[in-house]
Amino acid sequence: MSEAFFNPLARNGHTVINSARAIKSWARKLLALPDDAVVSVSELACHVPGCPPRETVILVMQRTETVQASVHKPMKDVTENDIAHAFSPASNPD
């Protein structure tokens, strides 16, 4: 078996994988992350009133610090500009 397993029942499997890889790459570049930083990307159902039905959540974990950003779009629709906006100081006031 030389080819990777393909699940024909998975919904947009390749699209989700490619979207997650792109989002991780954009976050790493934007935040100038070291190789040992962990970037996790998930698409979740949003239950907040007025929120679109799907949101993409990006977690960046470095040493003891974790930073979270959300984009209120499905993963396949997220752009590099969305990532820049999500991690901008104006979007994450502390």
N, C-alpha and C. Protein backbone atom coordinates (compact mmCIF):
# COMPACT_ATOMS: atom_id res chain seq x y z
N MET A 1 0.85 -1.18 0.00
CA MET A 1 0.00 0.00 0.00
C MET A 1 0.90 1.24 0.00
N SER A 2 1.08 1.85 -1.14
CA SER A 2 1.99 3.00 -1.23
C SER A 2 1.30 4.34 -1.08
N GLU A 3 0.00 4.39 -1.26
CA GLU A 3 -0.74 5.64 -1.13
C GLU A 3 -1.29 5.80 0.28
N ALA A 4 -1.45 7.06 0.70
CA ALA A 4 -2.04 7.34 2.01
C ALA A 4 -3.52 6.94 1.99
N PHE A 5 -4.01 6.54 3.15
CA PHE A 5 -5.41 6.15 3.27
C PHE A 5 -6.31 7.35 3.00
N PHE A 6 -7.32 7.18 2.20
CA PHE A 6 -8.31 8.22 1.93
C PHE A 6 -9.66 7.72 2.39
N ASN A 7 -10.29 8.47 3.27
CA ASN A 7 -11.61 8.11 3.79
C ASN A 7 -12.67 8.76 2.90
N PRO A 8 -13.36 8.01 2.09
CA PRO A 8 -14.36 8.59 1.18
C PRO A 8 -15.57 9.16 1.92
N LEU A 9 -15.75 8.80 3.19
CA LEU A 9 -16.88 9.30 3.96
C LEU A 9 -16.56 10.59 4.71
N ALA A 10 -15.30 10.97 4.76
CA ALA A 10 -14.92 12.19 5.47
C ALA A 10 -15.40 13.41 4.68
N ARG A 11 -15.93 14.40 5.43
CA ARG A 11 -16.39 15.62 4.77
C ARG A 11 -15.21 16.52 4.47
N ASN A 12 -14.92 16.77 3.21
CA ASN A 12 -13.88 17.71 2.79
C ASN A 12 -12.56 17.48 3.52
N GLY A 13 -12.17 16.25 3.68
CA GLY A 13 -10.96 15.91 4.42
C GLY A 13 -9.73 16.65 3.96
N HIS A 14 -9.46 16.64 2.66
CA HIS A 14 -8.27 17.30 2.14
C HIS A 14 -8.37 18.81 2.28
N THR A 15 -9.56 19.35 2.10
CA THR A 15 -9.75 20.80 2.25
C THR A 15 -9.45 21.23 3.67
N VAL A 16 -9.93 20.51 4.64
CA VAL A 16 -9.70 20.84 6.05
C VAL A 16 -8.22 20.75 6.39
N ILE A 17 -7.57 19.69 5.95
CA ILE A 17 -6.14 19.51 6.22
C ILE A 17 -5.33 20.64 5.59
N ASN A 18 -5.60 20.94 4.34
CA ASN A 18 -4.87 22.01 3.66
C ASN A 18 -5.14 23.37 4.29
N SER A 19 -6.38 23.61 4.69
CA SER A 19 -6.72 24.87 5.34
C SER A 19 -6.00 24.99 6.68
N ALA A 20 -5.99 23.93 7.46
CA ALA A 20 -5.31 23.95 8.77
C ALA A 20 -3.82 24.20 8.59
N ARG A 21 -3.21 23.55 7.62
CA ARG A 21 -1.78 23.75 7.35
C ARG A 21 -1.49 25.21 6.98
N ALA A 22 -2.32 25.78 6.12
CA ALA A 22 -2.11 27.17 5.71
C ALA A 22 -2.26 28.11 6.90
N ILE A 23 -3.28 27.92 7.71
CA ILE A 23 -3.51 28.77 8.88
C ILE A 23 -2.34 28.68 9.85
N LYS A 24 -1.86 27.47 10.11
CA LYS A 24 -0.70 27.29 10.99
C LYS A 24 0.52 28.02 10.44
N SER A 25 0.74 27.89 9.15
CA SER A 25 1.88 28.55 8.51
C SER A 25 1.78 30.07 8.61
N TRP A 26 0.59 30.61 8.35
CA TRP A 26 0.40 32.07 8.46
C TRP A 26 0.63 32.55 9.88
N ALA A 27 0.12 31.81 10.87
CA ALA A 27 0.30 32.20 12.28
C ALA A 27 1.78 32.15 12.66
N ARG A 28 2.48 31.11 12.24
CA ARG A 28 3.91 31.00 12.54
C ARG A 28 4.69 32.17 11.95
N LYS A 29 4.38 32.49 10.70
CA LYS A 29 5.08 33.60 10.03
C LYS A 29 4.74 34.93 10.69
N LEU A 30 3.47 35.19 10.90
CA LEU A 30 3.01 36.45 11.47
C LEU A 30 3.59 36.70 12.86
N LEU A 31 3.61 35.65 13.68
CA LEU A 31 4.06 35.78 15.07
C LEU A 31 5.54 35.47 15.25
N ALA A 32 6.23 35.14 14.15
CA ALA A 32 7.66 34.80 14.17
C ALA A 32 7.93 33.75 15.25
N LEU A 33 7.20 32.66 15.18
CA LEU A 33 7.27 31.62 16.21
C LEU A 33 8.50 30.73 16.04
N PRO A 34 9.08 30.32 17.17
CA PRO A 34 10.19 29.36 17.10
C PRO A 34 9.65 27.98 16.71
N ASP A 35 10.54 27.10 16.29
CA ASP A 35 10.13 25.76 15.85
C ASP A 35 9.45 24.95 16.94
N ASP A 36 9.79 25.22 18.21
CA ASP A 36 9.21 24.42 19.29
C ASP A 36 7.83 24.91 19.75
N ALA A 37 7.35 26.01 19.18
CA ALA A 37 6.00 26.49 19.50
C ALA A 37 4.98 25.54 18.86
N VAL A 38 3.88 25.33 19.55
CA VAL A 38 2.82 24.46 19.04
C VAL A 38 1.66 25.33 18.59
N VAL A 39 1.19 25.10 17.37
CA VAL A 39 0.04 25.82 16.83
C VAL A 39 -1.05 24.80 16.55
N SER A 40 -2.21 25.02 17.15
CA SER A 40 -3.34 24.12 16.98
C SER A 40 -4.49 24.90 16.33
N VAL A 41 -5.11 24.29 15.33
CA VAL A 41 -6.22 24.94 14.63
C VAL A 41 -7.43 24.00 14.69
N SER A 42 -8.57 24.55 15.10
CA SER A 42 -9.80 23.76 15.19
C SER A 42 -10.97 24.56 14.62
N GLU A 43 -11.91 23.85 14.05
CA GLU A 43 -13.16 24.46 13.62
C GLU A 43 -14.25 24.00 14.57
N LEU A 44 -14.92 24.95 15.17
CA LEU A 44 -15.93 24.64 16.17
C LEU A 44 -17.27 25.24 15.82
N ALA A 45 -18.32 24.65 16.36
CA ALA A 45 -19.65 25.25 16.24
C ALA A 45 -19.70 26.43 17.19
N CYS A 46 -20.21 27.55 16.73
CA CYS A 46 -20.31 28.75 17.56
C CYS A 46 -21.76 28.86 18.05
N HIS A 47 -21.92 28.93 19.36
CA HIS A 47 -23.26 28.98 19.94
C HIS A 47 -23.61 30.34 20.52
N VAL A 48 -22.77 31.33 20.27
CA VAL A 48 -23.02 32.68 20.76
C VAL A 48 -24.08 33.32 19.86
N PRO A 49 -25.12 33.94 20.42
CA PRO A 49 -26.14 34.58 19.59
C PRO A 49 -25.52 35.60 18.62
N GLY A 50 -25.92 35.52 17.36
CA GLY A 50 -25.42 36.43 16.34
C GLY A 50 -24.11 35.99 15.70
N CYS A 51 -23.53 34.93 16.20
CA CYS A 51 -22.26 34.42 15.68
C CYS A 51 -22.55 33.50 14.49
N PRO A 52 -21.69 33.52 13.45
CA PRO A 52 -21.87 32.55 12.36
C PRO A 52 -21.81 31.13 12.92
N PRO A 53 -22.38 30.16 12.23
CA PRO A 53 -22.47 28.80 12.78
C PRO A 53 -21.12 28.11 13.01
N ARG A 54 -20.08 28.51 12.32
CA ARG A 54 -18.76 27.91 12.48
C ARG A 54 -17.73 28.99 12.78
N GLU A 55 -16.77 28.64 13.65
CA GLU A 55 -15.64 29.54 13.89
C GLU A 55 -14.36 28.72 13.91
N THR A 56 -13.27 29.37 13.55
CA THR A 56 -11.96 28.75 13.56
C THR A 56 -11.20 29.30 14.75
N VAL A 57 -10.68 28.40 15.57
CA VAL A 57 -9.94 28.79 16.76
C VAL A 57 -8.49 28.37 16.59
N ILE A 58 -7.57 29.32 16.84
CA ILE A 58 -6.14 29.08 16.73
C ILE A 58 -5.53 29.23 18.11
N LEU A 59 -4.83 28.20 18.57
CA LEU A 59 -4.11 28.24 19.84
C LEU A 59 -2.62 28.20 19.54
N VAL A 60 -1.88 29.10 20.17
CA VAL A 60 -0.42 29.12 20.06
C VAL A 60 0.13 28.87 21.45
N MET A 61 0.89 27.79 21.58
CA MET A 61 1.42 27.40 22.88
C MET A 61 2.95 27.44 22.85
N GLN A 62 3.51 28.27 23.72
CA GLN A 62 4.96 28.40 23.85
C GLN A 62 5.31 28.34 25.33
N ARG A 63 6.18 27.43 25.68
CA ARG A 63 6.60 27.27 27.07
C ARG A 63 5.39 27.25 28.00
N THR A 64 5.20 28.28 28.81
CA THR A 64 4.06 28.32 29.75
C THR A 64 2.95 29.24 29.30
N GLU A 65 3.06 29.81 28.12
CA GLU A 65 2.08 30.79 27.64
C GLU A 65 1.23 30.19 26.51
N THR A 66 -0.07 30.44 26.58
CA THR A 66 -0.98 30.04 25.51
C THR A 66 -1.78 31.26 25.08
N VAL A 67 -1.81 31.49 23.78
CA VAL A 67 -2.57 32.60 23.21
C VAL A 67 -3.62 32.01 22.29
N GLN A 68 -4.84 32.53 22.38
CA GLN A 68 -5.94 32.05 21.55
C GLN A 68 -6.48 33.18 20.71
N ALA A 69 -6.81 32.85 19.47
CA ALA A 69 -7.48 33.81 18.59
C ALA A 69 -8.60 33.06 17.87
N SER A 70 -9.65 33.79 17.54
CA SER A 70 -10.79 33.19 16.84
C SER A 70 -11.12 34.00 15.59
N VAL A 71 -11.52 33.28 14.56
CA VAL A 71 -12.01 33.88 13.33
C VAL A 71 -13.40 33.30 13.12
N HIS A 72 -14.40 34.14 13.01
CA HIS A 72 -15.79 33.68 12.90
C HIS A 72 -16.13 33.31 11.46
N LYS A 73 -15.40 32.30 10.98
CA LYS A 73 -15.60 31.74 9.65
C LYS A 73 -15.22 30.27 9.70
N PRO A 74 -15.74 29.46 8.78
CA PRO A 74 -15.25 28.10 8.67
C PRO A 74 -13.77 28.11 8.26
N MET A 75 -13.05 27.09 8.63
CA MET A 75 -11.62 27.02 8.37
C MET A 75 -11.29 27.23 6.89
N LYS A 76 -12.10 26.68 6.01
CA LYS A 76 -11.82 26.78 4.56
C LYS A 76 -11.93 28.20 4.03
N ASP A 77 -12.60 29.10 4.76
CA ASP A 77 -12.79 30.47 4.30
C ASP A 77 -11.82 31.46 4.95
N VAL A 78 -10.99 31.00 5.88
CA VAL A 78 -10.06 31.89 6.59
C VAL A 78 -8.92 32.29 5.66
N THR A 79 -8.57 33.59 5.71
CA THR A 79 -7.48 34.12 4.89
C THR A 79 -6.31 34.55 5.78
N GLU A 80 -5.20 34.85 5.17
CA GLU A 80 -4.03 35.33 5.91
C GLU A 80 -4.36 36.66 6.61
N ASN A 81 -5.15 37.50 5.97
CA ASN A 81 -5.56 38.77 6.59
C ASN A 81 -6.43 38.53 7.83
N ASP A 82 -7.27 37.51 7.79
CA ASP A 82 -8.08 37.16 8.97
C ASP A 82 -7.19 36.80 10.15
N ILE A 83 -6.13 36.07 9.88
CA ILE A 83 -5.19 35.67 10.94
C ILE A 83 -4.49 36.89 11.50
N ALA A 84 -4.04 37.78 10.63
CA ALA A 84 -3.37 39.01 11.08
C ALA A 84 -4.31 39.83 11.96
N HIS A 85 -5.56 39.94 11.54
CA HIS A 85 -6.54 40.71 12.33
C HIS A 85 -6.83 40.02 13.67
N ALA A 86 -6.96 38.71 13.66
CA ALA A 86 -7.29 37.96 14.88
C ALA A 86 -6.19 38.09 15.94
N PHE A 87 -4.95 38.17 15.50
CA PHE A 87 -3.83 38.28 16.45
C PHE A 87 -3.37 39.71 16.68
N SER A 88 -4.06 40.67 16.08
CA SER A 88 -3.66 42.07 16.28
C SER A 88 -4.02 42.52 17.71
N PRO A 89 -3.23 43.43 18.28
CA PRO A 89 -3.52 43.91 19.64
C PRO A 89 -4.94 44.49 19.78
N ALA A 90 -5.46 45.12 18.73
CA ALA A 90 -6.81 45.69 18.80
C ALA A 90 -7.87 44.61 18.97
N SER A 91 -7.61 43.41 18.45
CA SER A 91 -8.58 42.32 18.56
C SER A 91 -8.49 41.58 19.87
N ASN A 92 -7.37 41.75 20.58
CA ASN A 92 -7.14 41.02 21.82
C ASN A 92 -6.70 41.94 22.94
N PRO A 93 -7.56 42.89 23.34
CA PRO A 93 -7.15 43.80 24.41
C PRO A 93 -7.03 43.06 25.75
N ASP A 94 -5.94 43.32 26.45
CA ASP A 94 -5.75 42.69 27.78
C ASP A 94 -5.59 43.72 28.85
